[in-house]
Amino acid sequence: MINYSKLLKRIDVNELSKLVSKSTIERIKVGTNMRLSTLEKICKHFKVGIDDIVEFK
């Protein structure tokens, strides 16, 4: 299972909403899968590594 709680703690949802769609934000909140390209986009924009925002359980 993928957990995005690190992302939500690190990056404000309002800032995130400028970069990704509302449906992607909902996916983040409930912990469902999203495209790797979307994760890459978030990482590049906020200058973080994937391990800074995603936890695999």
PDB file of N, CA and C in Angstrom:
ATOM      1  N   MET A   1       0.835  -1.175   0.000  1.00  0.00           N
ATOM      2  CA  MET A   1       0.000   0.000   0.000  1.00  0.00           C
ATOM      3  C   MET A   1       0.885   1.245   0.000  1.00  0.00           C
ATOM      4  N   ILE A   2       0.423   2.271  -0.672  1.00  0.00           N
ATOM      5  CA  ILE A   2       1.153   3.531  -0.753  1.00  0.00           C
ATOM      6  C   ILE A   2       0.530   4.520   0.220  1.00  0.00           C
ATOM      7  N   ASN A   3       1.394   5.216   0.945  1.00  0.00           N
ATOM      8  CA  ASN A   3       0.940   6.198   1.920  1.00  0.00           C
ATOM      9  C   ASN A   3       1.560   7.545   1.555  1.00  0.00           C
ATOM     10  N   TYR A   4       0.715   8.551   1.394  1.00  0.00           N
ATOM     11  CA  TYR A   4       1.176   9.881   1.024  1.00  0.00           C
ATOM     12  C   TYR A   4       1.131  10.861   2.193  1.00  0.00           C
ATOM     13  N   SER A   5       1.079  10.372   3.416  1.00  0.00           N
ATOM     14  CA  SER A   5       0.981  11.274   4.570  1.00  0.00           C
ATOM     15  C   SER A   5       2.208  12.186   4.672  1.00  0.00           C
ATOM     16  N   LYS A   6       3.374  11.686   4.267  1.00  0.00           N
ATOM     17  CA  LYS A   6       4.578  12.517   4.283  1.00  0.00           C
ATOM     18  C   LYS A   6       4.430  13.706   3.327  1.00  0.00           C
ATOM     19  N   LEU A   7       3.789  13.458   2.211  1.00  0.00           N
ATOM     20  CA  LEU A   7       3.543  14.523   1.239  1.00  0.00           C
ATOM     21  C   LEU A   7       2.617  15.579   1.822  1.00  0.00           C
ATOM     22  N   LEU A   8       1.543  15.133   2.446  1.00  0.00           N
ATOM     23  CA  LEU A   8       0.572  16.069   3.010  1.00  0.00           C
ATOM     24  C   LEU A   8       1.149  16.859   4.182  1.00  0.00           C
ATOM     25  N   LYS A   9       2.087  16.275   4.900  1.00  0.00           N
ATOM     26  CA  LYS A   9       2.737  16.990   6.003  1.00  0.00           C
ATOM     27  C   LYS A   9       3.746  18.006   5.485  1.00  0.00           C
ATOM     28  N   ARG A  10       4.366  17.686   4.372  1.00  0.00           N
ATOM     29  CA  ARG A  10       5.457  18.509   3.850  1.00  0.00           C
ATOM     30  C   ARG A  10       4.977  19.641   2.937  1.00  0.00           C
ATOM     31  N   ILE A  11       3.926  19.379   2.156  1.00  0.00           N
ATOM     32  CA  ILE A  11       3.474  20.330   1.147  1.00  0.00           C
ATOM     33  C   ILE A  11       2.006  20.670   1.374  1.00  0.00           C
ATOM     34  N   ASP A  12       1.714  21.954   1.425  1.00  0.00           N
ATOM     35  CA  ASP A  12       0.359  22.438   1.632  1.00  0.00           C
ATOM     36  C   ASP A  12      -0.536  22.046   0.450  1.00  0.00           C
ATOM     37  N   VAL A  13      -1.752  21.623   0.748  1.00  0.00           N
ATOM     38  CA  VAL A  13      -2.691  21.191  -0.289  1.00  0.00           C
ATOM     39  C   VAL A  13      -2.986  22.328  -1.272  1.00  0.00           C
ATOM     40  N   ASN A  14      -3.030  23.546  -0.791  1.00  0.00           N
ATOM     41  CA  ASN A  14      -3.278  24.687  -1.690  1.00  0.00           C
ATOM     42  C   ASN A  14      -2.147  24.848  -2.703  1.00  0.00           C
ATOM     43  N   GLU A  15      -0.924  24.659  -2.267  1.00  0.00           N
ATOM     44  CA  GLU A  15       0.218  24.720  -3.182  1.00  0.00           C
ATOM     45  C   GLU A  15       0.175  23.555  -4.164  1.00  0.00           C
ATOM     46  N   LEU A  16      -0.185  22.408  -3.661  1.00  0.00           N
ATOM     47  CA  LEU A  16      -0.273  21.213  -4.496  1.00  0.00           C
ATOM     48  C   LEU A  16      -1.359  21.359  -5.551  1.00  0.00           C
ATOM     49  N   SER A  17      -2.460  22.012  -5.202  1.00  0.00           N
ATOM     50  CA  SER A  17      -3.576  22.168  -6.133  1.00  0.00           C
ATOM     51  C   SER A  17      -3.226  23.049  -7.327  1.00  0.00           C
ATOM     52  N   LYS A  18      -2.179  23.842  -7.214  1.00  0.00           N
ATOM     53  CA  LYS A  18      -1.711  24.650  -8.344  1.00  0.00           C
ATOM     54  C   LYS A  18      -0.981  23.805  -9.373  1.00  0.00           C
ATOM     55  N   LEU A  19      -0.558  22.613  -8.955  1.00  0.00           N
ATOM     56  CA  LEU A  19       0.268  21.753  -9.801  1.00  0.00           C
ATOM     57  C   LEU A  19      -0.481  20.540 -10.344  1.00  0.00           C
ATOM     58  N   VAL A  20      -1.391  19.986  -9.541  1.00  0.00           N
ATOM     59  CA  VAL A  20      -2.098  18.761  -9.935  1.00  0.00           C
ATOM     60  C   VAL A  20      -3.610  18.966  -9.830  1.00  0.00           C
ATOM     61  N   SER A  21      -4.349  18.055 -10.428  1.00  0.00           N
ATOM     62  CA  SER A  21      -5.811  18.157 -10.455  1.00  0.00           C
ATOM     63  C   SER A  21      -6.435  17.822  -9.098  1.00  0.00           C
ATOM     64  N   LYS A  22      -7.703  18.165  -8.973  1.00  0.00           N
ATOM     65  CA  LYS A  22      -8.448  17.845  -7.753  1.00  0.00           C
ATOM     66  C   LYS A  22      -8.543  16.337  -7.556  1.00  0.00           C
ATOM     67  N   SER A  23      -8.709  15.601  -8.644  1.00  0.00           N
ATOM     68  CA  SER A  23      -8.805  14.142  -8.526  1.00  0.00           C
ATOM     69  C   SER A  23      -7.491  13.541  -8.015  1.00  0.00           C
ATOM     70  N   THR A  24      -6.372  14.121  -8.411  1.00  0.00           N
ATOM     71  CA  THR A  24      -5.075  13.648  -7.913  1.00  0.00           C
ATOM     72  C   THR A  24      -4.937  13.938  -6.426  1.00  0.00           C
ATOM     73  N   ILE A  25      -5.402  15.082  -6.003  1.00  0.00           N
ATOM     74  CA  ILE A  25      -5.353  15.418  -4.574  1.00  0.00           C
ATOM     75  C   ILE A  25      -6.223  14.445  -3.782  1.00  0.00           C
ATOM     76  N   GLU A  26      -7.363  14.083  -4.316  1.00  0.00           N
ATOM     77  CA  GLU A  26      -8.217  13.090  -3.653  1.00  0.00           C
ATOM     78  C   GLU A  26      -7.509  11.741  -3.568  1.00  0.00           C
ATOM     79  N   ARG A  27      -6.810  11.361  -4.626  1.00  0.00           N
ATOM     80  CA  ARG A  27      -6.042  10.107  -4.615  1.00  0.00           C
ATOM     81  C   ARG A  27      -4.979  10.145  -3.519  1.00  0.00           C
ATOM     82  N   ILE A  28      -4.337  11.283  -3.373  1.00  0.00           N
ATOM     83  CA  ILE A  28      -3.316  11.448  -2.336  1.00  0.00           C
ATOM     84  C   ILE A  28      -3.940  11.298  -0.960  1.00  0.00           C
ATOM     85  N   LYS A  29      -5.086  11.921  -0.755  1.00  0.00           N
ATOM     86  CA  LYS A  29      -5.746  11.887   0.546  1.00  0.00           C
ATOM     87  C   LYS A  29      -6.178  10.483   0.950  1.00  0.00           C
ATOM     88  N   VAL A  30      -6.649   9.679  -0.016  1.00  0.00           N
ATOM     89  CA  VAL A  30      -7.120   8.336   0.313  1.00  0.00           C
ATOM     90  C   VAL A  30      -6.056   7.256   0.105  1.00  0.00           C
ATOM     91  N   GLY A  31      -4.936   7.639  -0.497  1.00  0.00           N
ATOM     92  CA  GLY A  31      -3.834   6.690  -0.643  1.00  0.00           C
ATOM     93  C   GLY A  31      -3.972   5.719  -1.790  1.00  0.00           C
ATOM     94  N   THR A  32      -4.639   6.127  -2.865  1.00  0.00           N
ATOM     95  CA  THR A  32      -4.726   5.249  -4.029  1.00  0.00           C
ATOM     96  C   THR A  32      -3.601   5.571  -5.006  1.00  0.00           C
ATOM     97  N   ASN A  33      -3.415   4.697  -5.957  1.00  0.00           N
ATOM     98  CA  ASN A  33      -2.321   4.837  -6.919  1.00  0.00           C
ATOM     99  C   ASN A  33      -2.484   6.065  -7.795  1.00  0.00           C
ATOM    100  N   MET A  34      -1.351   6.596  -8.215  1.00  0.00           N
ATOM    101  CA  MET A  34      -1.337   7.662  -9.201  1.00  0.00           C
ATOM    102  C   MET A  34      -0.178   7.407 -10.141  1.00  0.00           C
ATOM    103  N   ARG A  35      -0.160   8.109 -11.226  1.00  0.00           N
ATOM    104  CA  ARG A  35       0.889   7.918 -12.223  1.00  0.00           C
ATOM    105  C   ARG A  35       2.255   8.305 -11.660  1.00  0.00           C
ATOM    106  N   LEU A  36       3.241   7.564 -12.064  1.00  0.00           N
ATOM    107  CA  LEU A  36       4.607   7.872 -11.669  1.00  0.00           C
ATOM    108  C   LEU A  36       5.032   9.228 -12.228  1.00  0.00           C
ATOM    109  N   SER A  37       4.538   9.567 -13.390  1.00  0.00           N
ATOM    110  CA  SER A  37       4.864  10.872 -13.982  1.00  0.00           C
ATOM    111  C   SER A  37       4.337  12.016 -13.114  1.00  0.00           C
ATOM    112  N   THR A  38       3.212  11.807 -12.447  1.00  0.00           N
ATOM    113  CA  THR A  38       2.668  12.820 -11.547  1.00  0.00           C
ATOM    114  C   THR A  38       3.560  12.967 -10.319  1.00  0.00           C
ATOM    115  N   LEU A  39       3.994  11.850  -9.768  1.00  0.00           N
ATOM    116  CA  LEU A  39       4.917  11.897  -8.633  1.00  0.00           C
ATOM    117  C   LEU A  39       6.224  12.583  -9.022  1.00  0.00           C
ATOM    118  N   GLU A  40       6.704  12.292 -10.207  1.00  0.00           N
ATOM    119  CA  GLU A  40       7.926  12.922 -10.688  1.00  0.00           C
ATOM    120  C   GLU A  40       7.732  14.439 -10.815  1.00  0.00           C
ATOM    121  N   LYS A  41       6.609  14.844 -11.332  1.00  0.00           N
ATOM    122  CA  LYS A  41       6.284  16.261 -11.476  1.00  0.00           C
ATOM    123  C   LYS A  41       6.274  16.967 -10.118  1.00  0.00           C
ATOM    124  N   ILE A  42       5.671  16.328  -9.119  1.00  0.00           N
ATOM    125  CA  ILE A  42       5.614  16.885  -7.766  1.00  0.00           C
ATOM    126  C   ILE A  42       7.030  16.997  -7.194  1.00  0.00           C
ATOM    127  N   CYS A  43       7.804  15.930  -7.337  1.00  0.00           N
ATOM    128  CA  CYS A  43       9.176  15.920  -6.801  1.00  0.00           C
ATOM    129  C   CYS A  43      10.026  17.013  -7.429  1.00  0.00           C
ATOM    130  N   LYS A  44       9.949  17.151  -8.739  1.00  0.00           N
ATOM    131  CA  LYS A  44      10.754  18.167  -9.423  1.00  0.00           C
ATOM    132  C   LYS A  44      10.330  19.571  -9.025  1.00  0.00           C
ATOM    133  N   HIS A  45       9.031  19.800  -8.972  1.00  0.00           N
ATOM    134  CA  HIS A  45       8.531  21.135  -8.654  1.00  0.00           C
ATOM    135  C   HIS A  45       8.909  21.569  -7.238  1.00  0.00           C
ATOM    136  N   PHE A  46       8.763  20.661  -6.279  1.00  0.00           N
ATOM    137  CA  PHE A  46       9.028  20.998  -4.883  1.00  0.00           C
ATOM    138  C   PHE A  46      10.447  20.632  -4.441  1.00  0.00           C
ATOM    139  N   LYS A  47      11.248  20.124  -5.387  1.00  0.00           N
ATOM    140  CA  LYS A  47      12.659  19.773  -5.136  1.00  0.00           C
ATOM    141  C   LYS A  47      12.814  18.821  -3.951  1.00  0.00           C
ATOM    142  N   VAL A  48      12.061  17.709  -4.033  1.00  0.00           N
ATOM    143  CA  VAL A  48      12.126  16.664  -3.021  1.00  0.00           C
ATOM    144  C   VAL A  48      12.336  15.323  -3.712  1.00  0.00           C
ATOM    145  N   GLY A  49      12.774  14.334  -2.954  1.00  0.00           N
ATOM    146  CA  GLY A  49      12.889  12.985  -3.464  1.00  0.00           C
ATOM    147  C   GLY A  49      11.607  12.217  -3.199  1.00  0.00           C
ATOM    148  N   ILE A  50      11.405  11.159  -3.940  1.00  0.00           N
ATOM    149  CA  ILE A  50      10.182  10.379  -3.762  1.00  0.00           C
ATOM    150  C   ILE A  50      10.069   9.823  -2.351  1.00  0.00           C
ATOM    151  N   ASP A  51      11.200   9.475  -1.746  1.00  0.00           N
ATOM    152  CA  ASP A  51      11.166   8.953  -0.375  1.00  0.00           C
ATOM    153  C   ASP A  51      10.820  10.027   0.643  1.00  0.00           C
ATOM    154  N   ASP A  52      10.860  11.310   0.236  1.00  0.00           N
ATOM    155  CA  ASP A  52      10.458  12.401   1.118  1.00  0.00           C
ATOM    156  C   ASP A  52       8.944  12.565   1.172  1.00  0.00           C
ATOM    157  N   ILE A  53       8.244  12.027   0.160  1.00  0.00           N
ATOM    158  CA  ILE A  53       6.796  12.258   0.100  1.00  0.00           C
ATOM    159  C   ILE A  53       5.949  10.989   0.037  1.00  0.00           C
ATOM    160  N   VAL A  54       6.572   9.848  -0.218  1.00  0.00           N
ATOM    161  CA  VAL A  54       5.826   8.598  -0.360  1.00  0.00           C
ATOM    162  C   VAL A  54       6.421   7.541   0.558  1.00  0.00           C
ATOM    163  N   GLU A  55       5.524   6.773   1.162  1.00  0.00           N
ATOM    164  CA  GLU A  55       5.946   5.652   1.998  1.00  0.00           C
ATOM    165  C   GLU A  55       5.217   4.411   1.508  1.00  0.00           C
ATOM    166  N   PHE A  56       5.967   3.353   1.301  1.00  0.00           N
ATOM    167  CA  PHE A  56       5.394   2.091   0.855  1.00  0.00           C
ATOM    168  C   PHE A  56       5.242   1.154   2.036  1.00  0.00           C
ATOM    169  N   LYS A  57       4.053   0.644   2.218  1.00  0.00           N
ATOM    170  CA  LYS A  57       3.800  -0.263   3.351  1.00  0.00           C
ATOM    171  C   LYS A  57       3.391  -1.621   2.845  1.00  0.00           C
TER     172      LYS A  57
END
